[in-house]
Amino acid sequence: MTRFIKLTNLKDERPIYMNVDYIGHIYSAGSKIDYGRVSEEAHTVIGTTTHNNGGFKVIEPVHVIFTMLEELNQ
């Protein structure tokens, strides 16, 4: 059975549906500061094993994603 989690894209807050069987990495990324201003808020990067694009930038923190994954396994 294919299992998905729904995440929120950092750029435009549109939903991203991630197949949990192909998650390759998850990590927190800090804010990006350009010319003394925050150009990108702190976020989480989640990537797949099937595509080498560096991952998707999402709003949900790492601990929330792990909670979603744990709930799927119950």
PDB file of N, CA and C in Angstrom:
ATOM      1  N   MET A   1       0.836  -1.179   0.000  1.00  0.00           N
ATOM      2  CA  MET A   1       0.000   0.000   0.000  1.00  0.00           C
ATOM      3  C   MET A   1       0.888   1.251   0.000  1.00  0.00           C
ATOM      4  N   THR A   2       0.601   2.194  -0.853  1.00  0.00           N
ATOM      5  CA  THR A   2       1.340   3.443  -0.930  1.00  0.00           C
ATOM      6  C   THR A   2       0.845   4.397   0.146  1.00  0.00           C
ATOM      7  N   ARG A   3       1.791   5.005   0.848  1.00  0.00           N
ATOM      8  CA  ARG A   3       1.447   5.924   1.936  1.00  0.00           C
ATOM      9  C   ARG A   3       2.058   7.293   1.646  1.00  0.00           C
ATOM     10  N   PHE A   4       1.269   8.340   1.835  1.00  0.00           N
ATOM     11  CA  PHE A   4       1.705   9.703   1.583  1.00  0.00           C
ATOM     12  C   PHE A   4       1.509  10.565   2.826  1.00  0.00           C
ATOM     13  N   ILE A   5       2.348  11.592   2.959  1.00  0.00           N
ATOM     14  CA  ILE A   5       2.117  12.628   3.951  1.00  0.00           C
ATOM     15  C   ILE A   5       1.975  13.941   3.196  1.00  0.00           C
ATOM     16  N   LYS A   6       1.174  14.831   3.749  1.00  0.00           N
ATOM     17  CA  LYS A   6       0.934  16.133   3.126  1.00  0.00           C
ATOM     18  C   LYS A   6       1.786  17.177   3.837  1.00  0.00           C
ATOM     19  N   LEU A   7       2.634  17.862   3.070  1.00  0.00           N
ATOM     20  CA  LEU A   7       3.495  18.909   3.593  1.00  0.00           C
ATOM     21  C   LEU A   7       3.179  20.221   2.889  1.00  0.00           C
ATOM     22  N   THR A   8       3.715  21.326   3.414  1.00  0.00           N
ATOM     23  CA  THR A   8       3.429  22.646   2.867  1.00  0.00           C
ATOM     24  C   THR A   8       4.690  23.248   2.272  1.00  0.00           C
ATOM     25  N   ASN A   9       4.640  23.597   0.989  1.00  0.00           N
ATOM     26  CA  ASN A   9       5.763  24.192   0.281  1.00  0.00           C
ATOM     27  C   ASN A   9       6.103  25.549   0.901  1.00  0.00           C
ATOM     28  N   LEU A  10       7.387  25.797   1.157  1.00  0.00           N
ATOM     29  CA  LEU A  10       7.830  27.054   1.755  1.00  0.00           C
ATOM     30  C   LEU A  10       7.570  28.241   0.831  1.00  0.00           C
ATOM     31  N   LYS A  11       7.779  28.063  -0.452  1.00  0.00           N
ATOM     32  CA  LYS A  11       7.715  29.171  -1.405  1.00  0.00           C
ATOM     33  C   LYS A  11       6.311  29.748  -1.558  1.00  0.00           C
ATOM     34  N   ASP A  12       5.329  28.894  -1.815  1.00  0.00           N
ATOM     35  CA  ASP A  12       3.990  29.409  -2.099  1.00  0.00           C
ATOM     36  C   ASP A  12       2.894  28.775  -1.251  1.00  0.00           C
ATOM     37  N   GLU A  13       3.280  28.015  -0.233  1.00  0.00           N
ATOM     38  CA  GLU A  13       2.362  27.374   0.715  1.00  0.00           C
ATOM     39  C   GLU A  13       1.357  26.431   0.044  1.00  0.00           C
ATOM     40  N   ARG A  14       1.739  25.887  -1.103  1.00  0.00           N
ATOM     41  CA  ARG A  14       0.912  24.871  -1.764  1.00  0.00           C
ATOM     42  C   ARG A  14       1.260  23.505  -1.180  1.00  0.00           C
ATOM     43  N   PRO A  15       0.329  22.560  -1.220  1.00  0.00           N
ATOM     44  CA  PRO A  15       0.608  21.238  -0.654  1.00  0.00           C
ATOM     45  C   PRO A  15       1.587  20.431  -1.504  1.00  0.00           C
ATOM     46  N   ILE A  16       2.403  19.648  -0.811  1.00  0.00           N
ATOM     47  CA  ILE A  16       3.293  18.670  -1.436  1.00  0.00           C
ATOM     48  C   ILE A  16       2.940  17.331  -0.809  1.00  0.00           C
ATOM     49  N   TYR A  17       2.680  16.333  -1.628  1.00  0.00           N
ATOM     50  CA  TYR A  17       2.370  14.995  -1.134  1.00  0.00           C
ATOM     51  C   TYR A  17       3.588  14.121  -1.350  1.00  0.00           C
ATOM     52  N   MET A  18       4.159  13.627  -0.256  1.00  0.00           N
ATOM     53  CA  MET A  18       5.397  12.869  -0.290  1.00  0.00           C
ATOM     54  C   MET A  18       5.117  11.395  -0.002  1.00  0.00           C
ATOM     55  N   ASN A  19       5.576  10.522  -0.893  1.00  0.00           N
ATOM     56  CA  ASN A  19       5.478   9.080  -0.678  1.00  0.00           C
ATOM     57  C   ASN A  19       6.526   8.715   0.372  1.00  0.00           C
ATOM     58  N   VAL A  20       6.089   8.228   1.518  1.00  0.00           N
ATOM     59  CA  VAL A  20       7.001   7.994   2.638  1.00  0.00           C
ATOM     60  C   VAL A  20       7.999   6.873   2.368  1.00  0.00           C
ATOM     61  N   ASP A  21       7.695   6.005   1.421  1.00  0.00           N
ATOM     62  CA  ASP A  21       8.610   4.912   1.111  1.00  0.00           C
ATOM     63  C   ASP A  21       9.859   5.390   0.375  1.00  0.00           C
ATOM     64  N   TYR A  22       9.839   6.617  -0.143  1.00  0.00           N
ATOM     65  CA  TYR A  22      10.964   7.128  -0.924  1.00  0.00           C
ATOM     66  C   TYR A  22      11.634   8.351  -0.303  1.00  0.00           C
ATOM     67  N   ILE A  23      11.412   8.592   0.989  1.00  0.00           N
ATOM     68  CA  ILE A  23      12.090   9.702   1.660  1.00  0.00           C
ATOM     69  C   ILE A  23      13.550   9.314   1.849  1.00  0.00           C
ATOM     70  N   GLY A  24      14.429  10.148   1.346  1.00  0.00           N
ATOM     71  CA  GLY A  24      15.862   9.872   1.431  1.00  0.00           C
ATOM     72  C   GLY A  24      16.567  10.678   2.508  1.00  0.00           C
ATOM     73  N   HIS A  25      16.108  11.910   2.752  1.00  0.00           N
ATOM     74  CA  HIS A  25      16.723  12.737   3.787  1.00  0.00           C
ATOM     75  C   HIS A  25      15.739  13.789   4.287  1.00  0.00           C
ATOM     76  N   ILE A  26      15.943  14.175   5.540  1.00  0.00           N
ATOM     77  CA  ILE A  26      15.168  15.235   6.177  1.00  0.00           C
ATOM     78  C   ILE A  26      16.140  15.999   7.064  1.00  0.00           C
ATOM     79  N   TYR A  27      16.173  17.325   6.918  1.00  0.00           N
ATOM     80  CA  TYR A  27      17.009  18.117   7.818  1.00  0.00           C
ATOM     81  C   TYR A  27      16.478  19.536   7.933  1.00  0.00           C
ATOM     82  N   SER A  28      16.828  20.182   9.036  1.00  0.00           N
ATOM     83  CA  SER A  28      16.446  21.573   9.279  1.00  0.00           C
ATOM     84  C   SER A  28      17.445  22.498   8.613  1.00  0.00           C
ATOM     85  N   ALA A  29      16.957  23.590   8.062  1.00  0.00           N
ATOM     86  CA  ALA A  29      17.811  24.607   7.465  1.00  0.00           C
ATOM     87  C   ALA A  29      17.473  25.939   8.128  1.00  0.00           C
ATOM     88  N   GLY A  30      18.481  26.681   8.472  1.00  0.00           N
ATOM     89  CA  GLY A  30      18.267  27.964   9.131  1.00  0.00           C
ATOM     90  C   GLY A  30      17.841  29.044   8.158  1.00  0.00           C
ATOM     91  N   SER A  31      17.587  30.216   8.707  1.00  0.00           N
ATOM     92  CA  SER A  31      17.226  31.366   7.883  1.00  0.00           C
ATOM     93  C   SER A  31      18.388  31.771   7.002  1.00  0.00           C
ATOM     94  N   LYS A  32      18.077  32.305   5.840  1.00  0.00           N
ATOM     95  CA  LYS A  32      19.097  32.809   4.931  1.00  0.00           C
ATOM     96  C   LYS A  32      19.036  34.330   4.964  1.00  0.00           C
ATOM     97  N   ILE A  33      20.177  34.952   5.188  1.00  0.00           N
ATOM     98  CA  ILE A  33      20.234  36.402   5.291  1.00  0.00           C
ATOM     99  C   ILE A  33      21.050  36.953   4.132  1.00  0.00           C
ATOM    100  N   ASP A  34      20.444  37.843   3.354  1.00  0.00           N
ATOM    101  CA  ASP A  34      21.110  38.525   2.251  1.00  0.00           C
ATOM    102  C   ASP A  34      21.047  40.020   2.500  1.00  0.00           C
ATOM    103  N   TYR A  35      22.182  40.654   2.445  1.00  0.00           N
ATOM    104  CA  TYR A  35      22.263  42.101   2.618  1.00  0.00           C
ATOM    105  C   TYR A  35      21.594  42.592   3.890  1.00  0.00           C
ATOM    106  N   GLY A  36      21.766  41.822   4.973  1.00  0.00           N
ATOM    107  CA  GLY A  36      21.236  42.197   6.273  1.00  0.00           C
ATOM    108  C   GLY A  36      19.749  41.949   6.464  1.00  0.00           C
ATOM    109  N   ARG A  37      19.089  41.324   5.506  1.00  0.00           N
ATOM    110  CA  ARG A  37      17.664  41.026   5.610  1.00  0.00           C
ATOM    111  C   ARG A  37      17.431  39.533   5.457  1.00  0.00           C
ATOM    112  N   VAL A  38      16.409  39.036   6.104  1.00  0.00           N
ATOM    113  CA  VAL A  38      16.059  37.620   5.987  1.00  0.00           C
ATOM    114  C   VAL A  38      15.409  37.414   4.625  1.00  0.00           C
ATOM    115  N   SER A  39      16.082  36.660   3.754  1.00  0.00           N
ATOM    116  CA  SER A  39      15.521  36.404   2.424  1.00  0.00           C
ATOM    117  C   SER A  39      14.801  35.060   2.367  1.00  0.00           C
ATOM    118  N   GLU A  40      15.054  34.202   3.365  1.00  0.00           N
ATOM    119  CA  GLU A  40      14.388  32.906   3.415  1.00  0.00           C
ATOM    120  C   GLU A  40      14.279  32.491   4.875  1.00  0.00           C
ATOM    121  N   GLU A  41      13.066  32.207   5.305  1.00  0.00           N
ATOM    122  CA  GLU A  41      12.821  31.805   6.687  1.00  0.00           C
ATOM    123  C   GLU A  41      13.412  30.417   6.958  1.00  0.00           C
ATOM    124  N   ALA A  42      13.597  30.105   8.233  1.00  0.00           N
ATOM    125  CA  ALA A  42      14.028  28.760   8.619  1.00  0.00           C
ATOM    126  C   ALA A  42      12.986  27.760   8.134  1.00  0.00           C
ATOM    127  N   HIS A  43      13.450  26.603   7.687  1.00  0.00           N
ATOM    128  CA  HIS A  43      12.552  25.616   7.094  1.00  0.00           C
ATOM    129  C   HIS A  43      13.161  24.229   7.206  1.00  0.00           C
ATOM    130  N   THR A  44      12.453  23.241   6.674  1.00  0.00           N
ATOM    131  CA  THR A  44      12.923  21.863   6.615  1.00  0.00           C
ATOM    132  C   THR A  44      13.094  21.476   5.157  1.00  0.00           C
ATOM    133  N   VAL A  45      14.127  20.701   4.883  1.00  0.00           N
ATOM    134  CA  VAL A  45      14.337  20.156   3.542  1.00  0.00           C
ATOM    135  C   VAL A  45      14.080  18.663   3.613  1.00  0.00           C
ATOM    136  N   ILE A  46      13.235  18.171   2.705  1.00  0.00           N
ATOM    137  CA  ILE A  46      12.934  16.746   2.639  1.00  0.00           C
ATOM    138  C   ILE A  46      13.137  16.297   1.196  1.00  0.00           C
ATOM    139  N   GLY A  47      13.923  15.254   1.016  1.00  0.00           N
ATOM    140  CA  GLY A  47      14.247  14.791  -0.324  1.00  0.00           C
ATOM    141  C   GLY A  47      13.887  13.343  -0.545  1.00  0.00           C
ATOM    142  N   THR A  48      13.842  12.961  -1.808  1.00  0.00           N
ATOM    143  CA  THR A  48      13.484  11.596  -2.161  1.00  0.00           C
ATOM    144  C   THR A  48      14.697  10.839  -2.694  1.00  0.00           C
ATOM    145  N   THR A  49      14.590   9.529  -2.643  1.00  0.00           N
ATOM    146  CA  THR A  49      15.661   8.681  -3.167  1.00  0.00           C
ATOM    147  C   THR A  49      15.576   8.540  -4.672  1.00  0.00           C
ATOM    148  N   THR A  50      14.480   8.978  -5.265  1.00  0.00           N
ATOM    149  CA  THR A  50      14.255   8.775  -6.691  1.00  0.00           C
ATOM    150  C   THR A  50      14.594   9.985  -7.548  1.00  0.00           C
ATOM    151  N   HIS A  51      14.987  11.104  -6.918  1.00  0.00           N
ATOM    152  CA  HIS A  51      15.253  12.307  -7.695  1.00  0.00           C
ATOM    153  C   HIS A  51      16.377  13.089  -7.029  1.00  0.00           C
ATOM    154  N   ASN A  52      17.307  13.570  -7.793  1.00  0.00           N
ATOM    155  CA  ASN A  52      18.467  14.271  -7.262  1.00  0.00           C
ATOM    156  C   ASN A  52      18.308  15.787  -7.428  1.00  0.00           C
ATOM    157  N   ASN A  53      17.277  16.341  -6.796  1.00  0.00           N
ATOM    158  CA  ASN A  53      17.044  17.776  -6.907  1.00  0.00           C
ATOM    159  C   ASN A  53      17.398  18.535  -5.638  1.00  0.00           C
ATOM    160  N   GLY A  54      17.964  17.876  -4.658  1.00  0.00           N
ATOM    161  CA  GLY A  54      18.323  18.533  -3.410  1.00  0.00           C
ATOM    162  C   GLY A  54      17.217  18.546  -2.381  1.00  0.00           C
ATOM    163  N   GLY A  55      16.017  18.261  -2.771  1.00  0.00           N
ATOM    164  CA  GLY A  55      14.910  18.187  -1.829  1.00  0.00           C
ATOM    165  C   GLY A  55      13.925  19.327  -1.960  1.00  0.00           C
ATOM    166  N   PHE A  56      12.845  19.195  -1.227  1.00  0.00           N
ATOM    167  CA  PHE A  56      11.786  20.195  -1.220  1.00  0.00           C
ATOM    168  C   PHE A  56      11.876  20.992   0.077  1.00  0.00           C
ATOM    169  N   LYS A  57      11.702  22.290  -0.010  1.00  0.00           N
ATOM    170  CA  LYS A  57      11.703  23.161   1.164  1.00  0.00           C
ATOM    171  C   LYS A  57      10.274  23.257   1.666  1.00  0.00           C
ATOM    172  N   VAL A  58      10.072  22.818   2.920  1.00  0.00           N
ATOM    173  CA  VAL A  58       8.727  22.781   3.488  1.00  0.00           C
ATOM    174  C   VAL A  58       8.682  23.542   4.808  1.00  0.00           C
ATOM    175  N   ILE A  59       7.479  23.920   5.204  1.00  0.00           N
ATOM    176  CA  ILE A  59       7.268  24.703   6.416  1.00  0.00           C
ATOM    177  C   ILE A  59       7.342  23.850   7.679  1.00  0.00           C
ATOM    178  N   GLU A  60       6.847  22.628   7.622  1.00  0.00           N
ATOM    179  CA  GLU A  60       6.755  21.786   8.816  1.00  0.00           C
ATOM    180  C   GLU A  60       8.135  21.490   9.393  1.00  0.00           C
ATOM    181  N   PRO A  61       8.296  21.614  10.721  1.00  0.00           N
ATOM    182  CA  PRO A  61       9.577  21.259  11.343  1.00  0.00           C
ATOM    183  C   PRO A  61       9.812  19.741  11.315  1.00  0.00           C
ATOM    184  N   VAL A  62      11.053  19.354  11.495  1.00  0.00           N
ATOM    185  CA  VAL A  62      11.437  17.946  11.426  1.00  0.00           C
ATOM    186  C   VAL A  62      10.626  17.093  12.408  1.00  0.00           C
ATOM    187  N   HIS A  63      10.462  17.564  13.643  1.00  0.00           N
ATOM    188  CA  HIS A  63       9.748  16.741  14.637  1.00  0.00           C
ATOM    189  C   HIS A  63       8.294  16.506  14.241  1.00  0.00           C
ATOM    190  N   VAL A  64       7.666  17.434  13.549  1.00  0.00           N
ATOM    191  CA  VAL A  64       6.282  17.245  13.092  1.00  0.00           C
ATOM    192  C   VAL A  64       6.231  16.185  11.992  1.00  0.00           C
ATOM    193  N   ILE A  65       7.210  16.208  11.099  1.00  0.00           N
ATOM    194  CA  ILE A  65       7.262  15.203  10.024  1.00  0.00           C
ATOM    195  C   ILE A  65       7.468  13.815  10.618  1.00  0.00           C
ATOM    196  N   PHE A  66       8.356  13.698  11.604  1.00  0.00           N
ATOM    197  CA  PHE A  66       8.561  12.397  12.239  1.00  0.00           C
ATOM    198  C   PHE A  66       7.307  11.923  12.964  1.00  0.00           C
ATOM    199  N   THR A  67       6.553  12.836  13.550  1.00  0.00           N
ATOM    200  CA  THR A  67       5.289  12.470  14.189  1.00  0.00           C
ATOM    201  C   THR A  67       4.306  11.933  13.152  1.00  0.00           C
ATOM    202  N   MET A  68       4.237  12.591  11.977  1.00  0.00           N
ATOM    203  CA  MET A  68       3.370  12.102  10.897  1.00  0.00           C
ATOM    204  C   MET A  68       3.765  10.686  10.483  1.00  0.00           C
ATOM    205  N   LEU A  69       5.062  10.445  10.369  1.00  0.00           N
ATOM    206  CA  LEU A  69       5.552   9.131   9.969  1.00  0.00           C
ATOM    207  C   LEU A  69       5.234   8.065  11.016  1.00  0.00           C
ATOM    208  N   GLU A  70       5.374   8.419  12.290  1.00  0.00           N
ATOM    209  CA  GLU A  70       5.055   7.477  13.363  1.00  0.00           C
ATOM    210  C   GLU A  70       3.557   7.122  13.351  1.00  0.00           C
ATOM    211  N   GLU A  71       2.709   8.123  13.090  1.00  0.00           N
ATOM    212  CA  GLU A  71       1.270   7.866  13.050  1.00  0.00           C
ATOM    213  C   GLU A  71       0.889   6.935  11.905  1.00  0.00           C
ATOM    214  N   LEU A  72       1.614   7.015  10.798  1.00  0.00           N
ATOM    215  CA  LEU A  72       1.350   6.108   9.681  1.00  0.00           C
ATOM    216  C   LEU A  72       1.706   4.670   9.998  1.00  0.00           C
ATOM    217  N   ASN A  73       2.689   4.472  10.869  1.00  0.00           N
ATOM    218  CA  ASN A  73       3.163   3.129  11.203  1.00  0.00           C
ATOM    219  C   ASN A  73       2.351   2.476  12.309  1.00  0.00           C
ATOM    220  N   GLN A  74       1.381   3.161  12.863  1.00  0.00           N
ATOM    221  CA  GLN A  74       0.564   2.572  13.941  1.00  0.00           C
ATOM    222  C   GLN A  74      -0.624   1.856  13.384  1.00  0.00           C
TER     223      GLN A  74
END
